[in-house]
N, C-alpha and C. Protein backbone atom coordinates (compact mmCIF):
# COMPACT_ATOMS: atom_id res chain seq x y z
N MET A 1 63.85 159.16 200.21
CA MET A 1 64.37 158.63 198.95
C MET A 1 63.34 157.67 198.38
N THR A 2 63.03 157.89 197.11
CA THR A 2 61.94 157.11 196.49
C THR A 2 62.48 155.79 196.00
N GLN A 3 61.79 154.70 196.34
CA GLN A 3 62.17 153.35 195.91
C GLN A 3 61.56 153.06 194.55
N PRO A 4 62.34 152.34 193.64
CA PRO A 4 61.74 151.96 192.33
C PRO A 4 60.61 150.97 192.54
N PRO A 5 59.62 151.13 191.67
CA PRO A 5 58.47 150.20 191.83
C PRO A 5 58.93 148.76 191.65
N SER A 6 58.29 147.93 192.38
CA SER A 6 58.58 146.48 192.28
C SER A 6 57.52 145.80 191.42
N TYR A 7 57.93 144.80 190.71
CA TYR A 7 57.00 144.05 189.82
C TYR A 7 57.01 142.59 190.27
N PRO A 8 55.90 142.01 190.17
CA PRO A 8 55.86 140.56 190.55
C PRO A 8 56.64 139.72 189.53
N MET A 9 57.28 138.72 190.03
CA MET A 9 58.03 137.79 189.16
C MET A 9 57.07 136.83 188.47
N PRO A 10 57.24 136.64 187.16
CA PRO A 10 56.33 135.72 186.45
C PRO A 10 56.59 134.28 186.91
N PRO A 11 55.58 133.51 186.87
CA PRO A 11 55.78 132.09 187.24
C PRO A 11 56.70 131.40 186.24
N ALA A 12 57.34 130.37 186.69
CA ALA A 12 58.28 129.63 185.83
C ALA A 12 57.54 129.07 184.63
N GLY A 13 58.05 129.40 183.47
CA GLY A 13 57.43 128.90 182.26
C GLY A 13 56.20 129.68 181.85
N GLY A 14 55.81 130.78 182.60
CA GLY A 14 54.61 131.54 182.28
C GLY A 14 54.90 132.64 181.30
N PRO A 15 53.92 133.45 180.97
CA PRO A 15 54.10 134.56 180.02
C PRO A 15 54.91 135.69 180.64
N PRO A 16 55.51 136.53 179.81
CA PRO A 16 56.28 137.66 180.35
C PRO A 16 55.37 138.67 181.03
N PRO A 17 55.91 139.54 181.89
CA PRO A 17 55.08 140.57 182.56
C PRO A 17 54.46 141.49 181.53
N THR A 18 53.29 141.95 181.83
CA THR A 18 52.51 142.78 180.89
C THR A 18 52.96 144.21 180.90
N ALA A 19 53.55 144.65 181.90
CA ALA A 19 53.91 146.07 181.94
C ALA A 19 55.28 146.23 182.57
N GLY A 20 56.09 147.03 181.85
CA GLY A 20 57.37 147.41 182.42
C GLY A 20 58.40 146.30 182.43
N GLY A 21 58.05 145.10 182.06
CA GLY A 21 59.02 144.01 182.09
C GLY A 21 59.78 143.89 180.77
N PHE A 22 60.58 142.91 180.67
CA PHE A 22 61.36 142.67 179.46
C PHE A 22 60.94 141.31 178.88
N ALA A 23 60.63 141.31 177.55
CA ALA A 23 60.23 140.05 176.87
C ALA A 23 61.46 139.19 176.64
N PRO A 24 61.33 137.91 176.71
CA PRO A 24 62.48 137.03 176.45
C PRO A 24 62.92 137.16 175.00
N PRO A 25 64.20 136.97 174.75
CA PRO A 25 64.68 137.10 173.36
C PRO A 25 63.99 136.10 172.44
N ALA A 26 63.73 136.64 171.23
CA ALA A 26 63.07 135.78 170.23
C ALA A 26 64.05 134.76 169.70
N GLY A 27 63.61 133.60 169.40
CA GLY A 27 64.47 132.53 168.88
C GLY A 27 63.63 131.40 168.31
N PRO A 28 64.28 130.46 167.70
CA PRO A 28 63.51 129.34 167.13
C PRO A 28 62.85 128.52 168.22
N ALA A 29 61.67 128.11 167.87
CA ALA A 29 60.93 127.31 168.83
C ALA A 29 61.61 125.96 168.99
N PRO A 30 61.62 125.44 170.18
CA PRO A 30 62.25 124.12 170.37
C PRO A 30 61.55 123.05 169.54
N GLN A 31 62.37 122.19 168.89
CA GLN A 31 61.83 121.13 168.06
C GLN A 31 61.66 119.86 168.89
N PRO A 32 60.62 119.14 168.65
CA PRO A 32 60.45 117.87 169.40
C PRO A 32 61.44 116.83 168.89
N TYR A 33 61.80 115.95 169.75
CA TYR A 33 62.71 114.88 169.38
C TYR A 33 62.02 113.89 168.44
N ALA A 34 62.80 113.37 167.46
CA ALA A 34 62.24 112.39 166.54
C ALA A 34 61.99 111.07 167.28
N VAL A 35 60.88 110.50 166.96
CA VAL A 35 60.51 109.25 167.61
C VAL A 35 61.25 108.11 166.92
N PRO A 36 62.03 107.35 167.62
CA PRO A 36 62.75 106.23 166.97
C PRO A 36 61.77 105.24 166.38
N PRO A 37 62.20 104.54 165.32
CA PRO A 37 61.29 103.55 164.71
C PRO A 37 60.96 102.46 165.70
N GLN A 38 59.73 102.06 165.60
CA GLN A 38 59.25 101.03 166.51
C GLN A 38 59.40 99.66 165.85
N TYR A 39 59.88 98.71 166.57
CA TYR A 39 60.08 97.36 166.07
C TYR A 39 59.27 96.40 166.93
N GLY A 40 58.87 95.35 166.28
CA GLY A 40 58.10 94.35 166.98
C GLY A 40 59.00 93.44 167.78
N PRO A 41 58.44 92.37 168.27
CA PRO A 41 59.25 91.41 169.05
C PRO A 41 60.32 90.78 168.17
N PRO A 42 61.35 90.24 168.77
CA PRO A 42 62.40 89.58 167.97
C PRO A 42 61.81 88.50 167.08
N GLY A 43 62.32 88.45 165.85
CA GLY A 43 61.83 87.46 164.90
C GLY A 43 60.70 87.94 164.03
N HIS A 44 60.20 89.18 164.27
CA HIS A 44 59.11 89.73 163.47
C HIS A 44 59.62 90.93 162.70
N PRO A 45 59.16 91.14 161.46
CA PRO A 45 59.61 92.30 160.68
C PRO A 45 59.06 93.60 161.25
N PRO A 46 59.73 94.74 161.00
CA PRO A 46 59.24 96.02 161.50
C PRO A 46 57.94 96.39 160.80
N PRO A 47 57.12 97.26 161.42
CA PRO A 47 55.86 97.66 160.79
C PRO A 47 56.12 98.38 159.47
N HIS A 48 55.27 98.11 158.48
CA HIS A 48 55.45 98.68 157.14
C HIS A 48 54.87 100.10 157.11
N HIS A 49 55.65 101.05 156.59
CA HIS A 49 55.21 102.43 156.47
C HIS A 49 54.23 102.53 155.29
N PRO A 50 53.14 103.25 155.45
CA PRO A 50 52.14 103.29 154.37
C PRO A 50 52.65 103.94 153.10
N TYR A 51 53.70 104.79 153.17
CA TYR A 51 54.21 105.47 151.98
C TYR A 51 55.46 104.82 151.42
N ALA A 52 55.87 103.69 151.92
CA ALA A 52 57.10 103.05 151.46
C ALA A 52 56.87 102.08 150.32
N GLY A 53 55.66 102.00 149.78
CA GLY A 53 55.39 101.08 148.69
C GLY A 53 55.00 99.71 149.21
N PRO A 54 54.67 98.82 148.32
CA PRO A 54 54.25 97.49 148.77
C PRO A 54 55.41 96.73 149.40
N PRO A 55 55.15 95.92 150.38
CA PRO A 55 56.23 95.16 151.03
C PRO A 55 56.81 94.14 150.07
N PRO A 56 58.12 93.84 150.18
CA PRO A 56 58.73 92.84 149.29
C PRO A 56 58.18 91.45 149.58
N HIS A 57 58.04 90.68 148.50
CA HIS A 57 57.54 89.32 148.67
C HIS A 57 58.69 88.41 149.10
N PRO A 58 58.52 87.62 150.12
CA PRO A 58 59.59 86.71 150.54
C PRO A 58 59.84 85.64 149.48
N ALA A 59 61.09 85.18 149.41
CA ALA A 59 61.44 84.14 148.44
C ALA A 59 60.73 82.84 148.79
N PRO A 60 60.20 82.14 147.79
CA PRO A 60 59.50 80.89 148.10
C PRO A 60 60.46 79.86 148.65
N PRO A 61 60.03 79.05 149.57
CA PRO A 61 60.92 78.02 150.13
C PRO A 61 61.27 76.99 149.07
N PRO A 62 62.46 76.38 149.15
CA PRO A 62 62.84 75.37 148.15
C PRO A 62 61.94 74.15 148.23
N THR A 63 61.73 73.54 147.07
CA THR A 63 60.91 72.34 147.02
C THR A 63 61.67 71.16 147.63
N LEU A 64 61.01 70.42 148.48
CA LEU A 64 61.63 69.28 149.14
C LEU A 64 60.98 67.99 148.66
N THR A 65 61.76 66.93 148.68
CA THR A 65 61.25 65.62 148.33
C THR A 65 60.33 65.12 149.45
N PRO A 66 59.59 64.06 149.21
CA PRO A 66 58.78 63.51 150.32
C PRO A 66 59.60 63.14 151.55
N ALA A 67 60.90 62.91 151.37
CA ALA A 67 61.76 62.63 152.53
C ALA A 67 62.33 63.89 153.16
N GLY A 68 61.98 65.09 152.63
CA GLY A 68 62.46 66.34 153.20
C GLY A 68 63.81 66.79 152.71
N GLN A 69 64.29 66.31 151.56
CA GLN A 69 65.60 66.68 151.03
C GLN A 69 65.43 67.72 149.92
N PRO A 70 66.34 68.71 149.84
CA PRO A 70 66.24 69.71 148.77
C PRO A 70 66.64 69.12 147.42
N LEU A 71 65.95 69.54 146.38
CA LEU A 71 66.23 69.03 145.04
C LEU A 71 67.49 69.68 144.47
N ALA A 72 68.21 68.94 143.66
CA ALA A 72 69.41 69.46 142.99
C ALA A 72 69.00 70.42 141.88
N SER A 73 69.83 71.42 141.64
CA SER A 73 69.54 72.41 140.60
C SER A 73 69.91 71.87 139.23
N PHE A 74 69.39 72.54 138.21
CA PHE A 74 69.70 72.16 136.83
C PHE A 74 71.19 72.30 136.55
N ALA A 75 71.82 73.36 137.05
CA ALA A 75 73.25 73.58 136.81
C ALA A 75 74.09 72.47 137.43
N ASP A 76 73.76 72.06 138.66
CA ASP A 76 74.52 71.00 139.32
C ASP A 76 74.40 69.68 138.55
N ARG A 77 73.20 69.38 138.08
CA ARG A 77 72.99 68.13 137.35
C ARG A 77 73.72 68.16 136.00
N LEU A 78 73.70 69.32 135.34
CA LEU A 78 74.38 69.43 134.05
C LEU A 78 75.90 69.26 134.21
N LEU A 79 76.48 69.92 135.21
CA LEU A 79 77.92 69.81 135.43
C LEU A 79 78.31 68.38 135.81
N ALA A 80 77.49 67.72 136.61
CA ALA A 80 77.78 66.33 136.97
C ALA A 80 77.74 65.44 135.73
N TRP A 81 76.77 65.67 134.83
CA TRP A 81 76.70 64.89 133.60
C TRP A 81 77.91 65.14 132.71
N LEU A 82 78.36 66.38 132.62
CA LEU A 82 79.54 66.68 131.82
C LEU A 82 80.79 66.00 132.38
N LEU A 83 80.92 65.99 133.70
CA LEU A 83 82.07 65.32 134.31
C LEU A 83 82.03 63.81 134.06
N ASP A 84 80.86 63.20 134.22
CA ASP A 84 80.75 61.77 133.95
C ASP A 84 81.01 61.45 132.48
N THR A 85 80.54 62.31 131.58
CA THR A 85 80.79 62.10 130.15
C THR A 85 82.27 62.19 129.84
N ALA A 86 82.97 63.14 130.45
CA ALA A 86 84.41 63.26 130.23
C ALA A 86 85.15 62.04 130.76
N ILE A 87 84.73 61.51 131.90
CA ILE A 87 85.38 60.34 132.47
C ILE A 87 85.19 59.12 131.57
N THR A 88 83.95 58.85 131.15
CA THR A 88 83.69 57.69 130.31
C THR A 88 84.34 57.83 128.93
N ALA A 89 84.36 59.04 128.39
CA ALA A 89 85.04 59.24 127.10
C ALA A 89 86.53 59.01 127.22
N GLY A 90 87.13 59.42 128.33
CA GLY A 90 88.55 59.18 128.55
C GLY A 90 88.87 57.68 128.64
N VAL A 91 88.00 56.94 129.33
CA VAL A 91 88.20 55.49 129.41
C VAL A 91 88.07 54.85 128.03
N ALA A 92 87.10 55.32 127.24
CA ALA A 92 86.92 54.78 125.89
C ALA A 92 88.15 55.03 125.03
N MET A 93 88.73 56.20 125.15
CA MET A 93 89.94 56.51 124.38
C MET A 93 91.10 55.61 124.79
N LEU A 94 91.24 55.38 126.08
CA LEU A 94 92.33 54.51 126.54
C LEU A 94 92.16 53.07 126.05
N LEU A 95 90.90 52.61 125.97
CA LEU A 95 90.65 51.26 125.50
C LEU A 95 90.84 51.14 124.00
N PHE A 96 90.45 52.16 123.26
CA PHE A 96 90.48 52.07 121.81
C PHE A 96 91.84 52.43 121.22
N MET A 97 92.62 53.21 121.92
CA MET A 97 93.88 53.70 121.35
C MET A 97 94.84 52.57 120.97
N PRO A 98 95.09 51.57 121.82
CA PRO A 98 96.00 50.49 121.40
C PRO A 98 95.50 49.76 120.15
N VAL A 99 94.20 49.49 120.10
CA VAL A 99 93.64 48.80 118.93
C VAL A 99 93.80 49.66 117.69
N PHE A 100 93.53 50.95 117.83
CA PHE A 100 93.67 51.85 116.68
C PHE A 100 95.11 51.91 116.18
N LEU A 101 96.05 51.93 117.10
CA LEU A 101 97.46 51.99 116.70
C LEU A 101 97.88 50.73 115.95
N VAL A 102 97.43 49.55 116.40
CA VAL A 102 97.77 48.30 115.72
C VAL A 102 97.18 48.27 114.31
N ILE A 103 95.92 48.67 114.18
CA ILE A 103 95.29 48.69 112.85
C ILE A 103 95.98 49.71 111.95
N TRP A 104 96.30 50.85 112.49
CA TRP A 104 96.97 51.88 111.67
C TRP A 104 98.34 51.39 111.21
N TRP A 105 99.06 50.67 112.09
CA TRP A 105 100.38 50.18 111.71
C TRP A 105 100.28 49.13 110.60
N ASN A 106 99.31 48.24 110.68
CA ASN A 106 99.11 47.24 109.63
C ASN A 106 98.77 47.92 108.29
N MET A 107 97.92 48.94 108.35
CA MET A 107 97.55 49.63 107.13
C MET A 107 98.74 50.40 106.56
N PHE A 108 99.52 51.04 107.42
CA PHE A 108 100.69 51.78 106.96
C PHE A 108 101.72 50.84 106.33
N THR A 109 101.91 49.68 106.96
CA THR A 109 102.87 48.70 106.41
C THR A 109 102.43 48.20 105.04
N GLU A 110 101.13 47.94 104.91
CA GLU A 110 100.62 47.46 103.64
C GLU A 110 100.72 48.52 102.54
N MET A 111 100.48 49.76 102.89
CA MET A 111 100.49 50.83 101.89
C MET A 111 101.91 51.25 101.50
N THR A 112 102.92 50.92 102.29
CA THR A 112 104.30 51.36 102.00
C THR A 112 105.21 50.22 101.59
N ARG A 113 104.68 49.06 101.26
CA ARG A 113 105.53 47.96 100.79
C ARG A 113 106.11 48.31 99.42
N THR A 114 107.35 47.95 99.21
CA THR A 114 108.03 48.29 97.96
C THR A 114 108.52 47.03 97.25
N ASN A 115 108.67 47.15 95.93
CA ASN A 115 109.26 46.09 95.10
C ASN A 115 110.78 46.13 95.22
N PRO A 116 111.45 45.10 94.70
CA PRO A 116 112.93 45.13 94.74
C PRO A 116 113.53 46.34 94.04
N ASP A 117 112.81 46.89 93.06
CA ASP A 117 113.37 48.06 92.36
C ASP A 117 113.03 49.37 93.07
N GLY A 118 112.40 49.32 94.21
CA GLY A 118 112.09 50.53 94.97
C GLY A 118 110.73 51.11 94.72
N THR A 119 109.98 50.61 93.80
CA THR A 119 108.64 51.14 93.54
C THR A 119 107.65 50.55 94.55
N LEU A 120 106.59 51.30 94.79
CA LEU A 120 105.57 50.85 95.74
C LEU A 120 104.77 49.70 95.15
N VAL A 121 104.47 48.76 96.00
CA VAL A 121 103.64 47.63 95.60
C VAL A 121 102.20 48.08 95.51
N GLU A 122 101.52 47.72 94.43
CA GLU A 122 100.11 48.07 94.29
C GLU A 122 99.31 47.36 95.38
N PRO A 123 98.57 48.14 96.18
CA PRO A 123 97.82 47.48 97.27
C PRO A 123 96.81 46.49 96.73
N ASP A 124 96.73 45.35 97.36
CA ASP A 124 95.76 44.32 96.98
C ASP A 124 94.47 44.57 97.75
N PRO A 125 93.34 44.81 97.03
CA PRO A 125 92.08 45.06 97.75
C PRO A 125 91.71 43.93 98.70
N GLY A 126 91.98 42.70 98.31
CA GLY A 126 91.66 41.59 99.21
C GLY A 126 92.48 41.63 100.48
N THR A 127 93.75 41.96 100.34
CA THR A 127 94.61 42.04 101.52
C THR A 127 94.19 43.19 102.43
N ILE A 128 93.84 44.32 101.84
CA ILE A 128 93.39 45.46 102.64
C ILE A 128 92.12 45.09 103.40
N MET A 129 91.22 44.36 102.73
CA MET A 129 89.98 43.97 103.39
C MET A 129 90.24 43.04 104.56
N THR A 130 91.10 42.04 104.35
CA THR A 130 91.32 41.05 105.41
C THR A 130 92.26 41.55 106.50
N ASP A 131 93.22 42.40 106.13
CA ASP A 131 94.22 42.83 107.11
C ASP A 131 93.87 44.16 107.79
N VAL A 132 92.97 44.94 107.17
CA VAL A 132 92.67 46.26 107.72
C VAL A 132 91.20 46.41 108.07
N MET A 133 90.31 46.24 107.10
CA MET A 133 88.91 46.55 107.31
C MET A 133 88.25 45.56 108.28
N VAL A 134 88.49 44.27 108.09
CA VAL A 134 87.87 43.30 108.99
C VAL A 134 88.36 43.46 110.43
N PRO A 135 89.66 43.60 110.67
CA PRO A 135 90.09 43.85 112.05
C PRO A 135 89.52 45.14 112.63
N LEU A 136 89.38 46.15 111.76
CA LEU A 136 88.82 47.41 112.25
C LEU A 136 87.37 47.24 112.68
N LEU A 137 86.58 46.55 111.87
CA LEU A 137 85.18 46.33 112.23
C LEU A 137 85.05 45.46 113.49
N LEU A 138 85.88 44.44 113.59
CA LEU A 138 85.85 43.60 114.78
C LEU A 138 86.27 44.38 116.03
N ALA A 139 87.25 45.26 115.86
CA ALA A 139 87.70 46.08 116.99
C ALA A 139 86.59 47.03 117.44
N GLU A 140 85.89 47.62 116.48
CA GLU A 140 84.79 48.52 116.84
C GLU A 140 83.67 47.76 117.55
N LEU A 141 83.36 46.56 117.04
CA LEU A 141 82.32 45.76 117.69
C LEU A 141 82.74 45.36 119.11
N GLY A 142 83.97 44.93 119.23
CA GLY A 142 84.45 44.57 120.57
C GLY A 142 84.48 45.76 121.51
N LEU A 143 84.89 46.91 120.98
CA LEU A 143 84.91 48.10 121.81
C LEU A 143 83.51 48.49 122.24
N LEU A 144 82.54 48.34 121.34
CA LEU A 144 81.16 48.65 121.70
C LEU A 144 80.68 47.77 122.85
N VAL A 145 80.98 46.49 122.78
CA VAL A 145 80.58 45.58 123.85
C VAL A 145 81.27 45.94 125.16
N VAL A 146 82.56 46.24 125.07
CA VAL A 146 83.31 46.61 126.28
C VAL A 146 82.76 47.90 126.88
N MET A 147 82.45 48.89 126.04
CA MET A 147 81.96 50.16 126.55
C MET A 147 80.57 50.02 127.16
N LEU A 148 79.72 49.19 126.55
CA LEU A 148 78.42 48.94 127.16
C LEU A 148 78.58 48.31 128.54
N GLY A 149 79.50 47.38 128.65
CA GLY A 149 79.76 46.79 129.96
C GLY A 149 80.30 47.81 130.96
N PHE A 150 81.21 48.66 130.48
CA PHE A 150 81.75 49.68 131.38
C PHE A 150 80.68 50.68 131.81
N TYR A 151 79.83 51.10 130.87
CA TYR A 151 78.74 52.02 131.21
C TYR A 151 77.80 51.39 132.24
N TRP A 152 77.52 50.10 132.07
CA TRP A 152 76.64 49.43 133.04
C TRP A 152 77.29 49.40 134.42
N LEU A 153 78.56 49.08 134.48
CA LEU A 153 79.24 49.06 135.78
C LEU A 153 79.27 50.45 136.42
N TYR A 154 79.50 51.46 135.60
CA TYR A 154 79.66 52.81 136.15
C TYR A 154 78.32 53.44 136.52
N HIS A 155 77.33 53.36 135.62
CA HIS A 155 76.07 54.06 135.81
C HIS A 155 75.00 53.23 136.51
N VAL A 156 75.26 51.93 136.72
CA VAL A 156 74.27 51.10 137.40
C VAL A 156 74.86 50.51 138.68
N GLU A 157 75.88 49.67 138.52
CA GLU A 157 76.44 49.00 139.69
C GLU A 157 77.09 49.99 140.66
N TYR A 158 77.85 50.93 140.11
CA TYR A 158 78.51 51.92 140.98
C TYR A 158 77.50 52.92 141.54
N LEU A 159 76.52 53.30 140.73
CA LEU A 159 75.53 54.27 141.18
C LEU A 159 74.67 53.72 142.32
N LYS A 160 74.27 52.46 142.22
CA LYS A 160 73.33 51.93 143.22
C LYS A 160 73.97 51.77 144.60
N ARG A 161 75.30 51.78 144.66
CA ARG A 161 75.96 51.62 145.96
C ARG A 161 75.69 52.79 146.89
N GLY A 162 75.72 54.01 146.36
CA GLY A 162 75.47 55.16 147.21
C GLY A 162 74.70 56.28 146.54
N GLY A 163 74.21 56.00 145.32
CA GLY A 163 73.44 57.01 144.60
C GLY A 163 74.29 58.08 143.93
N GLN A 164 75.61 57.84 143.83
CA GLN A 164 76.50 58.86 143.26
C GLN A 164 77.51 58.23 142.32
N THR A 165 77.75 58.91 141.21
CA THR A 165 78.91 58.65 140.36
C THR A 165 79.99 59.65 140.74
N LEU A 166 81.13 59.61 140.06
CA LEU A 166 82.19 60.56 140.39
C LEU A 166 81.76 62.00 140.10
N GLY A 167 81.03 62.20 139.01
CA GLY A 167 80.55 63.55 138.71
C GLY A 167 79.55 64.03 139.74
N LYS A 168 78.67 63.16 140.18
CA LYS A 168 77.68 63.55 141.20
C LYS A 168 78.35 63.80 142.54
N LYS A 169 79.39 63.03 142.86
CA LYS A 169 80.11 63.31 144.10
C LYS A 169 80.77 64.68 144.06
N ALA A 170 81.35 65.02 142.91
CA ALA A 170 82.00 66.33 142.79
C ALA A 170 81.01 67.47 142.96
N MET A 171 79.78 67.31 142.47
CA MET A 171 78.76 68.36 142.56
C MET A 171 77.88 68.20 143.80
N ARG A 172 78.13 67.19 144.61
CA ARG A 172 77.39 66.96 145.86
C ARG A 172 75.90 66.80 145.60
N ILE A 173 75.57 65.92 144.70
CA ILE A 173 74.18 65.55 144.45
C ILE A 173 74.08 64.03 144.51
N ARG A 174 72.86 63.54 144.70
CA ARG A 174 72.67 62.09 144.87
C ARG A 174 71.32 61.69 144.27
N VAL A 175 71.29 60.50 143.70
CA VAL A 175 70.07 59.90 143.18
C VAL A 175 69.42 59.10 144.31
N VAL A 176 68.15 59.38 144.58
CA VAL A 176 67.41 58.66 145.62
C VAL A 176 66.04 58.30 145.08
N PRO A 177 65.40 57.26 145.61
CA PRO A 177 64.04 56.94 145.19
C PRO A 177 63.07 58.06 145.60
N LEU A 178 62.07 58.29 144.76
CA LEU A 178 61.06 59.27 145.13
C LEU A 178 60.27 58.81 146.34
N ASP A 179 60.00 57.54 146.45
CA ASP A 179 59.33 56.97 147.60
C ASP A 179 60.35 56.82 148.73
N PRO A 180 60.19 57.56 149.83
CA PRO A 180 61.21 57.49 150.90
C PRO A 180 61.28 56.15 151.60
N SER A 181 60.30 55.29 151.39
CA SER A 181 60.34 53.98 152.04
C SER A 181 61.19 52.97 151.27
N LEU A 182 61.66 53.35 150.06
CA LEU A 182 62.45 52.45 149.23
C LEU A 182 63.92 52.84 149.27
N THR A 183 64.77 51.93 148.83
CA THR A 183 66.19 52.21 148.68
C THR A 183 66.57 52.02 147.21
N LEU A 184 67.57 52.75 146.76
CA LEU A 184 68.01 52.66 145.38
C LEU A 184 68.59 51.27 145.11
N ASN A 185 68.08 50.61 144.07
CA ASN A 185 68.54 49.26 143.76
C ASN A 185 68.95 49.17 142.30
N ARG A 186 69.35 47.97 141.90
CA ARG A 186 69.83 47.75 140.54
C ARG A 186 68.73 47.99 139.51
N ARG A 187 67.53 47.65 139.84
CA ARG A 187 66.42 47.83 138.89
C ARG A 187 66.20 49.31 138.59
N MET A 188 66.19 50.15 139.62
CA MET A 188 66.01 51.59 139.41
C MET A 188 67.17 52.18 138.63
N ALA A 189 68.39 51.84 139.03
CA ALA A 189 69.56 52.38 138.34
C ALA A 189 69.61 51.89 136.89
N GLY A 190 69.21 50.62 136.66
CA GLY A 190 69.21 50.10 135.31
C GLY A 190 68.19 50.79 134.43
N ARG A 191 67.02 51.08 134.96
CA ARG A 191 65.99 51.79 134.18
C ARG A 191 66.44 53.21 133.84
N ARG A 192 67.11 53.87 134.78
CA ARG A 192 67.64 55.20 134.48
C ARG A 192 68.66 55.13 133.33
N TRP A 193 69.55 54.11 133.38
CA TRP A 193 70.58 53.99 132.36
C TRP A 193 69.99 53.68 130.99
N LEU A 194 68.98 52.83 130.95
CA LEU A 194 68.36 52.47 129.67
C LEU A 194 67.80 53.69 128.96
N VAL A 195 67.16 54.58 129.71
CA VAL A 195 66.56 55.76 129.08
C VAL A 195 67.60 56.85 128.84
N GLN A 196 68.45 57.11 129.84
CA GLN A 196 69.38 58.24 129.74
C GLN A 196 70.46 58.02 128.71
N TYR A 197 70.95 56.79 128.56
CA TYR A 197 72.09 56.57 127.68
C TYR A 197 71.75 55.69 126.47
N LEU A 198 71.08 54.56 126.70
CA LEU A 198 70.82 53.67 125.58
C LEU A 198 69.77 54.25 124.64
N ALA A 199 68.64 54.68 125.18
CA ALA A 199 67.60 55.27 124.33
C ALA A 199 68.08 56.58 123.70
N ALA A 200 68.86 57.37 124.44
CA ALA A 200 69.36 58.63 123.89
C ALA A 200 70.32 58.41 122.74
N SER A 201 71.06 57.29 122.75
CA SER A 201 71.98 57.02 121.66
C SER A 201 71.28 56.48 120.43
N LEU A 202 70.05 55.98 120.57
CA LEU A 202 69.31 55.40 119.45
C LEU A 202 68.32 56.38 118.83
N VAL A 203 67.79 57.31 119.61
CA VAL A 203 66.77 58.26 119.13
C VAL A 203 67.42 59.63 119.00
N PRO A 204 67.49 60.19 117.79
CA PRO A 204 68.12 61.52 117.63
C PRO A 204 67.36 62.60 118.40
N GLY A 205 68.11 63.43 119.12
CA GLY A 205 67.53 64.54 119.86
C GLY A 205 66.90 64.16 121.18
N PHE A 206 66.82 62.86 121.48
CA PHE A 206 66.15 62.46 122.73
C PHE A 206 66.94 62.89 123.95
N SER A 207 68.26 62.90 123.86
CA SER A 207 69.07 63.27 125.03
C SER A 207 68.80 64.71 125.46
N TYR A 208 68.55 65.61 124.50
CA TYR A 208 68.24 67.01 124.85
C TYR A 208 66.88 67.10 125.53
N LEU A 209 65.89 66.39 124.97
CA LEU A 209 64.57 66.41 125.58
C LEU A 209 64.61 65.82 126.98
N ASP A 210 65.34 64.73 127.14
CA ASP A 210 65.45 64.09 128.45
C ASP A 210 66.10 65.01 129.47
N GLY A 211 67.20 65.67 129.08
CA GLY A 211 67.90 66.53 130.03
C GLY A 211 67.16 67.80 130.38
N LEU A 212 66.45 68.38 129.40
CA LEU A 212 65.74 69.63 129.64
C LEU A 212 64.37 69.43 130.29
N TRP A 213 63.90 68.21 130.35
CA TRP A 213 62.56 67.96 130.90
C TRP A 213 62.43 68.44 132.33
N GLN A 214 63.52 68.42 133.08
CA GLN A 214 63.46 68.82 134.49
C GLN A 214 63.11 70.29 134.67
N LEU A 215 63.31 71.13 133.63
CA LEU A 215 63.06 72.56 133.77
C LEU A 215 61.59 72.87 133.92
N TRP A 216 60.72 72.05 133.37
CA TRP A 216 59.28 72.31 133.51
C TRP A 216 58.55 71.19 134.25
N ASP A 217 59.26 70.19 134.70
CA ASP A 217 58.62 69.11 135.44
C ASP A 217 58.33 69.59 136.87
N LYS A 218 57.11 69.43 137.30
CA LYS A 218 56.68 69.84 138.64
C LYS A 218 56.01 68.66 139.33
N PRO A 219 56.22 68.52 140.64
CA PRO A 219 57.03 69.39 141.50
C PRO A 219 58.46 68.87 141.74
N TRP A 220 58.81 67.70 141.18
CA TRP A 220 60.06 67.06 141.60
C TRP A 220 61.22 67.32 140.65
N GLN A 221 61.03 68.09 139.59
CA GLN A 221 62.11 68.44 138.66
C GLN A 221 62.81 67.18 138.13
N GLN A 222 62.03 66.23 137.67
CA GLN A 222 62.56 64.97 137.18
C GLN A 222 62.85 65.05 135.68
N CYS A 223 63.91 64.38 135.25
CA CYS A 223 64.11 64.11 133.83
C CYS A 223 63.25 62.90 133.45
N LEU A 224 63.21 62.61 132.16
CA LEU A 224 62.41 61.46 131.73
C LEU A 224 62.95 60.16 132.31
N HIS A 225 64.28 60.03 132.42
CA HIS A 225 64.82 58.81 132.99
C HIS A 225 64.51 58.70 134.48
N ASP A 226 64.36 59.85 135.18
CA ASP A 226 63.94 59.81 136.58
C ASP A 226 62.49 59.33 136.70
N ARG A 227 61.64 59.83 135.81
CA ARG A 227 60.23 59.41 135.85
C ARG A 227 60.11 57.91 135.57
N PHE A 228 60.89 57.42 134.62
CA PHE A 228 60.83 56.01 134.27
C PHE A 228 61.32 55.13 135.40
N ALA A 229 62.30 55.62 136.16
CA ALA A 229 62.89 54.82 137.24
C ALA A 229 62.27 55.11 138.61
N GLY A 230 61.48 56.19 138.73
CA GLY A 230 60.92 56.54 140.04
C GLY A 230 61.95 57.13 140.99
N THR A 231 62.86 57.96 140.45
CA THR A 231 63.92 58.56 141.27
C THR A 231 63.89 60.06 141.17
N VAL A 232 64.57 60.72 142.07
CA VAL A 232 64.82 62.15 142.05
C VAL A 232 66.29 62.37 142.39
N VAL A 233 66.79 63.57 142.07
CA VAL A 233 68.17 63.93 142.38
C VAL A 233 68.14 65.04 143.41
N VAL A 234 68.85 64.85 144.52
CA VAL A 234 68.81 65.79 145.63
C VAL A 234 70.20 66.36 145.88
N LYS A 235 70.23 67.47 146.58
CA LYS A 235 71.47 68.11 147.00
C LYS A 235 71.87 67.59 148.37
N VAL A 236 73.14 67.24 148.52
CA VAL A 236 73.64 66.72 149.79
C VAL A 236 74.84 67.53 150.22
N SER A 237 75.22 67.39 151.47
CA SER A 237 76.36 68.15 152.00
C SER A 237 77.69 67.53 151.65
N ALA A 238 77.73 66.26 151.34
CA ALA A 238 78.99 65.60 151.00
C ALA A 238 78.71 64.39 150.13
């Protein structure tokens, strides 16, 4: 009985037999595994791919004062000023309202006096001047003196205690000397007040220039009253 011819077995992973054997089924070639992205040590950015475009520029660090404190933003300073203005205006209204009511009542009484026959009494210009206009002018002068005193107490005496008014406390900003070896005192706070409020009330448009000066002032973002007083405004946590 004749035995079928025997063929040598191909080595593992070798080519198929050249004669009489069977070729392995055709199929897609095995694909290599994708190489995971390589990252550097912790704290370092991953390597930049040459086709991913230029790397993004990191944001510049915030400007710090010589004492290492971050500067307050324009928005925070503006909101603090608006809050302080609303507070001082409210106090002015409370102080002036009683005086205004008394003057208005005197004027109303003078203008509505009647004769025995029911007709209105012709107002006497001299009486109006002495009973209405003079008290009104004196009240305005007195109110001006009182408000100047109140502004000094609020923007100088109160500010120098901790570098904050009520508006600045609400926005978490503080006035500090530019020189870290100094402390905020009455002289600095008074110089700020003279420029920010007194000079601004006397020179038309000066308040806008003073407030906007910080937008282009470098590097400390000072307003004109800050430059005059040697102070900066910083952001604080409380």
